[in-house]
N, C-alpha and C. Protein backbone atom coordinates (compact mmCIF):
# COMPACT_ATOMS: atom_id res chain seq x y z
N MET A 1 101.41 130.01 101.00
CA MET A 1 101.61 128.88 101.88
C MET A 1 100.48 128.86 102.92
N THR A 2 99.88 127.68 103.11
CA THR A 2 98.77 127.55 104.05
C THR A 2 99.29 127.39 105.47
N ARG A 3 98.36 127.53 106.43
CA ARG A 3 98.73 127.30 107.83
C ARG A 3 99.21 125.88 108.04
N GLN A 4 98.56 124.93 107.35
CA GLN A 4 98.96 123.54 107.50
C GLN A 4 100.37 123.32 106.96
N ASP A 5 100.70 123.97 105.84
CA ASP A 5 102.06 123.86 105.29
C ASP A 5 103.09 124.42 106.27
N ARG A 6 102.78 125.59 106.84
CA ARG A 6 103.71 126.21 107.81
C ARG A 6 103.87 125.32 109.04
N ALA A 7 102.77 124.73 109.50
CA ALA A 7 102.84 123.85 110.68
C ALA A 7 103.68 122.62 110.36
N GLY A 8 103.51 122.06 109.14
CA GLY A 8 104.29 120.91 108.73
C GLY A 8 105.78 121.21 108.71
N GLU A 9 106.15 122.40 108.22
CA GLU A 9 107.56 122.80 108.20
C GLU A 9 108.12 122.95 109.61
N ALA A 10 107.25 123.30 110.56
CA ALA A 10 107.67 123.47 111.94
C ALA A 10 107.67 122.13 112.69
N GLY A 11 107.28 121.05 112.00
CA GLY A 11 107.27 119.74 112.64
C GLY A 11 106.02 119.45 113.45
N ILE A 12 104.95 120.18 113.18
CA ILE A 12 103.69 119.98 113.90
C ILE A 12 102.76 119.17 113.02
N ASP A 13 102.18 118.11 113.58
CA ASP A 13 101.25 117.25 112.85
C ASP A 13 99.86 117.86 112.92
N CYS A 14 99.34 118.30 111.79
CA CYS A 14 98.01 118.92 111.74
C CYS A 14 96.93 117.96 111.28
N ASN A 15 97.23 116.71 111.20
CA ASN A 15 96.25 115.72 110.76
C ASN A 15 95.34 115.37 111.93
N ILE A 16 94.16 115.97 111.95
CA ILE A 16 93.20 115.75 113.04
C ILE A 16 92.83 114.28 113.14
N GLU A 17 92.65 113.60 111.99
CA GLU A 17 92.27 112.18 112.00
C GLU A 17 93.30 111.34 112.73
N ALA A 18 94.58 111.73 112.70
CA ALA A 18 95.63 110.93 113.32
C ALA A 18 95.78 111.21 114.81
N MET A 19 95.12 112.25 115.30
CA MET A 19 95.26 112.60 116.71
C MET A 19 94.22 111.85 117.54
N PRO A 20 94.66 110.92 118.39
CA PRO A 20 93.69 110.18 119.21
C PRO A 20 93.11 111.05 120.31
N LEU A 21 91.90 110.73 120.69
CA LEU A 21 91.29 111.41 121.82
C LEU A 21 91.95 110.92 123.10
N PRO A 22 92.04 111.76 124.10
CA PRO A 22 92.64 111.30 125.36
C PRO A 22 91.72 110.29 126.04
N LEU A 23 92.16 109.06 126.17
CA LEU A 23 91.33 108.00 126.73
C LEU A 23 90.94 108.24 128.19
N PRO A 24 91.81 108.78 129.03
CA PRO A 24 91.42 108.92 130.44
C PRO A 24 90.18 109.79 130.67
N SER A 25 89.84 110.68 129.73
CA SER A 25 88.70 111.56 129.94
C SER A 25 87.37 110.91 129.56
N LEU A 26 87.39 109.70 129.05
CA LEU A 26 86.17 109.03 128.63
C LEU A 26 85.59 108.18 129.75
N ALA A 27 84.28 108.18 129.84
CA ALA A 27 83.58 107.36 130.83
C ALA A 27 83.19 106.03 130.19
N PRO A 28 83.06 104.98 130.97
CA PRO A 28 82.59 103.70 130.41
C PRO A 28 81.21 103.87 129.78
N ALA A 29 80.93 103.04 128.79
CA ALA A 29 79.66 103.12 128.07
C ALA A 29 79.09 101.72 127.87
N ASP A 30 77.86 101.65 127.41
CA ASP A 30 77.24 100.37 127.09
C ASP A 30 77.66 99.88 125.72
N LEU A 31 78.00 100.83 124.84
CA LEU A 31 78.28 100.50 123.45
C LEU A 31 79.20 101.56 122.85
N ILE A 32 80.11 101.11 122.00
CA ILE A 32 80.94 102.00 121.20
C ILE A 32 80.46 101.84 119.77
N PHE A 33 80.22 102.96 119.07
CA PHE A 33 79.74 102.91 117.69
C PHE A 33 80.65 103.73 116.80
N ALA A 34 81.14 103.12 115.71
CA ALA A 34 81.96 103.82 114.73
C ALA A 34 81.22 103.81 113.40
N ILE A 35 80.93 105.01 112.90
CA ILE A 35 80.21 105.12 111.64
C ILE A 35 81.12 104.76 110.47
N ALA A 36 80.51 104.40 109.35
CA ALA A 36 81.27 104.04 108.15
C ALA A 36 82.10 105.23 107.69
N GLY A 37 83.15 104.94 106.97
CA GLY A 37 83.98 106.01 106.44
C GLY A 37 85.45 105.74 106.70
N ARG A 38 86.12 106.75 107.14
CA ARG A 38 87.58 106.68 107.29
C ARG A 38 88.02 105.62 108.30
N PRO A 39 89.08 104.87 107.96
CA PRO A 39 89.56 103.80 108.84
C PRO A 39 89.93 104.25 110.26
N PRO A 40 90.48 105.45 110.49
CA PRO A 40 90.83 105.82 111.87
C PRO A 40 89.64 105.77 112.84
N ARG A 41 88.43 105.94 112.34
CA ARG A 41 87.25 105.84 113.22
C ARG A 41 87.17 104.44 113.83
N LYS A 42 87.34 103.44 112.97
CA LYS A 42 87.24 102.06 113.44
C LYS A 42 88.44 101.68 114.30
N VAL A 43 89.63 102.14 113.93
CA VAL A 43 90.83 101.85 114.71
C VAL A 43 90.65 102.39 116.13
N HIS A 44 90.18 103.62 116.25
CA HIS A 44 90.00 104.22 117.57
C HIS A 44 88.91 103.48 118.35
N ALA A 45 87.82 103.13 117.70
CA ALA A 45 86.75 102.38 118.36
C ALA A 45 87.26 101.03 118.85
N LEU A 46 88.06 100.35 118.05
CA LEU A 46 88.64 99.07 118.46
C LEU A 46 89.55 99.23 119.66
N GLU A 47 90.34 100.31 119.68
CA GLU A 47 91.21 100.58 120.83
C GLU A 47 90.39 100.79 122.10
N LEU A 48 89.31 101.56 121.98
CA LEU A 48 88.44 101.79 123.14
C LEU A 48 87.81 100.49 123.62
N PHE A 49 87.34 99.68 122.68
CA PHE A 49 86.71 98.40 123.01
C PHE A 49 87.69 97.48 123.73
N ARG A 50 88.90 97.37 123.20
CA ARG A 50 89.91 96.51 123.82
C ARG A 50 90.37 97.04 125.17
N SER A 51 90.23 98.35 125.37
CA SER A 51 90.59 98.94 126.66
C SER A 51 89.50 98.79 127.70
N GLY A 52 88.37 98.22 127.30
CA GLY A 52 87.30 97.95 128.24
C GLY A 52 86.33 99.08 128.50
N TYR A 53 86.26 100.05 127.59
CA TYR A 53 85.34 101.17 127.78
C TYR A 53 83.88 100.77 127.56
N ALA A 54 83.64 99.66 126.88
CA ALA A 54 82.27 99.17 126.67
C ALA A 54 82.32 97.67 126.37
N PRO A 55 81.26 96.94 126.74
CA PRO A 55 81.24 95.50 126.47
C PRO A 55 80.82 95.15 125.04
N ARG A 56 80.34 96.15 124.29
CA ARG A 56 79.89 95.91 122.92
C ARG A 56 80.44 96.98 121.98
N LEU A 57 80.70 96.57 120.75
CA LEU A 57 81.23 97.46 119.72
C LEU A 57 80.39 97.28 118.46
N LEU A 58 79.90 98.39 117.91
CA LEU A 58 79.12 98.36 116.68
C LEU A 58 79.88 99.14 115.61
N LEU A 59 80.26 98.44 114.55
CA LEU A 59 80.98 99.06 113.44
C LEU A 59 80.07 99.08 112.21
N SER A 60 80.14 100.17 111.47
CA SER A 60 79.37 100.34 110.25
C SER A 60 80.32 100.25 109.06
N PHE A 61 79.97 99.41 108.09
CA PHE A 61 80.79 99.24 106.89
C PHE A 61 79.93 99.51 105.66
N GLY A 62 80.24 100.58 104.94
CA GLY A 62 79.56 100.88 103.69
C GLY A 62 80.13 100.05 102.56
N ARG A 63 79.53 100.14 101.41
CA ARG A 63 79.92 99.26 100.30
C ARG A 63 81.38 99.40 99.89
N PHE A 64 81.97 100.59 100.06
CA PHE A 64 83.36 100.77 99.67
C PHE A 64 84.33 100.36 100.78
N GLY A 65 83.81 100.05 101.96
CA GLY A 65 84.67 99.65 103.07
C GLY A 65 84.65 98.17 103.38
N LEU A 66 83.85 97.40 102.64
CA LEU A 66 83.72 95.98 102.94
C LEU A 66 85.04 95.22 102.83
N ARG A 67 85.78 95.47 101.79
CA ARG A 67 87.07 94.78 101.61
C ARG A 67 88.08 95.21 102.66
N ARG A 68 87.97 96.44 103.13
CA ARG A 68 88.92 96.95 104.12
C ARG A 68 88.70 96.32 105.49
N ALA A 69 87.56 95.67 105.71
CA ALA A 69 87.31 95.03 107.00
C ALA A 69 88.41 94.02 107.32
N ARG A 70 88.98 93.41 106.29
CA ARG A 70 90.06 92.43 106.49
C ARG A 70 91.32 93.07 107.06
N GLU A 71 91.48 94.38 106.88
CA GLU A 71 92.68 95.08 107.33
C GLU A 71 92.67 95.37 108.84
N PHE A 72 91.51 95.26 109.46
CA PHE A 72 91.39 95.57 110.88
C PHE A 72 91.60 94.31 111.72
N ASP A 73 92.14 94.50 112.89
CA ASP A 73 92.29 93.40 113.84
C ASP A 73 90.98 93.30 114.63
N LEU A 74 89.98 92.68 114.01
CA LEU A 74 88.65 92.60 114.60
C LEU A 74 88.62 91.58 115.74
N PRO A 75 87.75 91.78 116.73
CA PRO A 75 87.68 90.87 117.88
C PRO A 75 87.21 89.46 117.52
N ALA A 76 86.51 89.30 116.41
CA ALA A 76 86.03 87.99 115.95
C ALA A 76 86.04 88.00 114.42
N PRO A 77 86.21 86.85 113.79
CA PRO A 77 86.27 86.83 112.32
C PRO A 77 84.95 87.20 111.67
N VAL A 78 85.05 88.00 110.60
CA VAL A 78 83.88 88.44 109.83
C VAL A 78 84.28 88.48 108.36
N ASP A 79 83.47 87.89 107.49
CA ASP A 79 83.73 87.94 106.05
C ASP A 79 82.62 88.73 105.38
N LEU A 80 82.78 90.04 105.33
CA LEU A 80 81.76 90.90 104.75
C LEU A 80 81.70 90.79 103.24
N VAL A 81 82.80 90.46 102.61
CA VAL A 81 82.82 90.31 101.15
C VAL A 81 81.90 89.14 100.76
N ALA A 82 82.01 88.04 101.47
CA ALA A 82 81.15 86.89 101.19
C ALA A 82 79.69 87.22 101.49
N ALA A 83 79.45 87.95 102.57
CA ALA A 83 78.09 88.32 102.93
C ALA A 83 77.45 89.22 101.88
N ALA A 84 78.26 90.01 101.21
CA ALA A 84 77.75 91.00 100.26
C ALA A 84 77.54 90.46 98.84
N LYS A 85 78.04 89.30 98.53
CA LYS A 85 78.01 88.81 97.16
C LYS A 85 76.63 88.78 96.53
N ALA A 86 75.62 88.39 97.26
CA ALA A 86 74.27 88.26 96.68
C ALA A 86 73.47 89.56 96.76
N ILE A 87 74.08 90.62 97.23
CA ILE A 87 73.38 91.89 97.43
C ILE A 87 73.84 92.90 96.38
N PRO A 88 72.92 93.60 95.72
CA PRO A 88 73.33 94.62 94.73
C PRO A 88 74.25 95.66 95.38
N ALA A 89 75.27 96.07 94.65
CA ALA A 89 76.30 96.98 95.19
C ALA A 89 75.73 98.21 95.91
N PRO A 90 74.75 98.92 95.36
CA PRO A 90 74.27 100.12 96.06
C PRO A 90 73.61 99.83 97.41
N GLN A 91 73.24 98.59 97.66
CA GLN A 91 72.56 98.24 98.91
C GLN A 91 73.50 97.61 99.94
N ARG A 92 74.77 97.53 99.65
CA ARG A 92 75.73 96.89 100.54
C ARG A 92 76.16 97.84 101.65
N HIS A 93 75.57 97.65 102.80
CA HIS A 93 75.95 98.40 104.00
C HIS A 93 75.62 97.51 105.18
N PHE A 94 76.62 97.27 106.01
CA PHE A 94 76.45 96.34 107.12
C PHE A 94 76.81 96.98 108.46
N PHE A 95 76.11 96.56 109.48
CA PHE A 95 76.52 96.82 110.86
C PHE A 95 77.07 95.51 111.38
N VAL A 96 78.17 95.58 112.13
CA VAL A 96 78.74 94.40 112.76
C VAL A 96 78.82 94.69 114.25
N LEU A 97 78.12 93.88 115.03
CA LEU A 97 78.10 94.01 116.48
C LEU A 97 79.02 92.96 117.08
N PHE A 98 80.00 93.41 117.86
CA PHE A 98 80.90 92.51 118.57
C PHE A 98 80.52 92.55 120.05
N ASP A 99 80.42 91.37 120.64
CA ASP A 99 80.13 91.27 122.06
C ASP A 99 80.75 89.97 122.57
N GLY A 100 80.41 89.57 123.76
CA GLY A 100 80.98 88.36 124.34
C GLY A 100 80.61 87.10 123.58
N ALA A 101 79.57 87.15 122.75
CA ALA A 101 79.12 85.97 122.00
C ALA A 101 79.74 85.87 120.61
N GLY A 102 80.50 86.86 120.18
CA GLY A 102 81.12 86.83 118.86
C GLY A 102 80.78 88.04 118.03
N ALA A 103 80.62 87.82 116.73
CA ALA A 103 80.30 88.89 115.78
C ALA A 103 78.94 88.62 115.17
N HIS A 104 78.11 89.64 115.12
CA HIS A 104 76.77 89.53 114.56
C HIS A 104 76.67 90.53 113.42
N VAL A 105 76.41 90.05 112.21
CA VAL A 105 76.41 90.89 111.02
C VAL A 105 74.98 91.11 110.56
N GLY A 106 74.62 92.37 110.31
CA GLY A 106 73.29 92.68 109.82
C GLY A 106 73.34 93.63 108.65
N LEU A 107 72.51 93.39 107.67
CA LEU A 107 72.39 94.27 106.51
C LEU A 107 71.58 95.49 106.93
N VAL A 108 72.06 96.66 106.56
CA VAL A 108 71.39 97.91 106.91
C VAL A 108 70.66 98.44 105.69
N ARG A 109 69.42 98.82 105.87
CA ARG A 109 68.69 99.45 104.77
C ARG A 109 69.27 100.85 104.55
N ARG A 110 69.67 101.12 103.33
CA ARG A 110 70.27 102.42 103.00
C ARG A 110 69.23 103.52 103.10
N ARG A 111 69.63 104.63 103.68
CA ARG A 111 68.79 105.82 103.80
C ARG A 111 69.45 106.96 103.05
N ARG A 112 68.72 108.01 102.89
CA ARG A 112 69.18 109.13 102.07
C ARG A 112 70.41 109.84 102.63
N PHE A 113 70.48 110.06 103.93
CA PHE A 113 71.54 110.90 104.47
C PHE A 113 72.55 110.17 105.33
N GLY A 114 72.82 108.92 105.05
CA GLY A 114 73.93 108.23 105.69
C GLY A 114 73.61 107.47 106.97
N THR A 115 74.68 107.09 107.65
CA THR A 115 74.61 106.17 108.77
C THR A 115 73.74 106.64 109.92
N TRP A 116 73.81 107.91 110.29
CA TRP A 116 73.02 108.37 111.43
C TRP A 116 71.53 108.18 111.17
N ASN A 117 71.07 108.48 109.97
CA ASN A 117 69.66 108.25 109.65
C ASN A 117 69.33 106.76 109.56
N GLU A 118 70.30 105.95 109.13
CA GLU A 118 70.07 104.52 109.10
C GLU A 118 69.88 103.99 110.52
N LEU A 119 70.69 104.46 111.43
CA LEU A 119 70.55 104.05 112.82
C LEU A 119 69.20 104.48 113.37
N ARG A 120 68.83 105.72 113.13
CA ARG A 120 67.57 106.26 113.63
C ARG A 120 66.39 105.50 113.03
N ALA A 121 66.44 105.23 111.73
CA ALA A 121 65.32 104.58 111.05
C ALA A 121 65.17 103.12 111.46
N ASP A 122 66.29 102.42 111.58
CA ASP A 122 66.22 101.01 111.92
C ASP A 122 66.07 100.79 113.41
N GLY A 123 66.34 101.80 114.20
CA GLY A 123 66.20 101.67 115.64
C GLY A 123 67.49 101.22 116.29
N HIS A 124 68.15 102.11 117.00
CA HIS A 124 69.40 101.81 117.67
C HIS A 124 69.27 100.58 118.55
N ALA A 125 68.18 100.48 119.31
CA ALA A 125 68.01 99.36 120.23
C ALA A 125 67.97 98.03 119.48
N ASP A 126 67.37 98.03 118.28
CA ASP A 126 67.30 96.79 117.51
C ASP A 126 68.69 96.29 117.13
N TRP A 127 69.58 97.19 116.74
CA TRP A 127 70.90 96.77 116.28
C TRP A 127 71.80 96.34 117.41
N THR A 128 71.50 96.78 118.62
CA THR A 128 72.37 96.42 119.73
C THR A 128 71.82 95.26 120.54
N SER A 129 70.66 94.74 120.18
CA SER A 129 70.12 93.58 120.90
C SER A 129 70.45 92.32 120.11
N LEU A 130 70.67 91.25 120.80
CA LEU A 130 71.00 90.00 120.13
C LEU A 130 69.78 89.35 119.50
N GLU A 131 68.58 89.76 119.88
CA GLU A 131 67.37 89.17 119.32
C GLU A 131 67.16 89.58 117.86
N HIS A 132 67.64 90.76 117.48
CA HIS A 132 67.41 91.27 116.12
C HIS A 132 68.65 91.07 115.26
N GLN A 133 68.58 90.19 114.30
CA GLN A 133 69.66 90.02 113.34
C GLN A 133 69.04 90.04 111.96
N ALA A 134 69.30 91.08 111.19
CA ALA A 134 68.63 91.27 109.91
C ALA A 134 69.08 90.29 108.83
N ALA A 135 70.35 89.90 108.85
CA ALA A 135 70.80 89.08 107.73
C ALA A 135 71.56 87.84 108.16
N LEU A 136 72.69 88.02 108.81
CA LEU A 136 73.60 86.91 109.06
C LEU A 136 74.05 86.88 110.50
N HIS A 137 74.53 85.74 110.94
CA HIS A 137 75.10 85.63 112.28
C HIS A 137 76.41 84.83 112.17
N HIS A 138 77.49 85.40 112.69
CA HIS A 138 78.78 84.71 112.73
C HIS A 138 79.22 84.63 114.17
N SER A 139 79.64 83.49 114.62
CA SER A 139 80.16 83.36 115.99
C SER A 139 81.60 82.94 115.96
């Protein structure tokens, strides 16, 4: 029996993904960024955004998460499935920036080691400025 099994029998939730970070310990920021992957990342980022911790929210959606975008209560409407139709499946990766002007969708050039390298290569400042929109704009 594993430690997690024993904890479950004792009524202790060992699911780290389900445990929210304590919001009061966070300082306000210019931007909240949630990398592609597990849905709890985006759920938590959306909670922080709605709580006013930052005026902008940047979400990353990889090719396998595009359809799941519909499951989130996003601050503005975004149709990533429609945006992805003309793009080959291996190249489907989007950043969506939410701010006071709506939702701004940009296609991300895929890099070898995932989202952090994509951010570094494309330039964080470019993705968070309204002047740079690589593919589409939705308001």
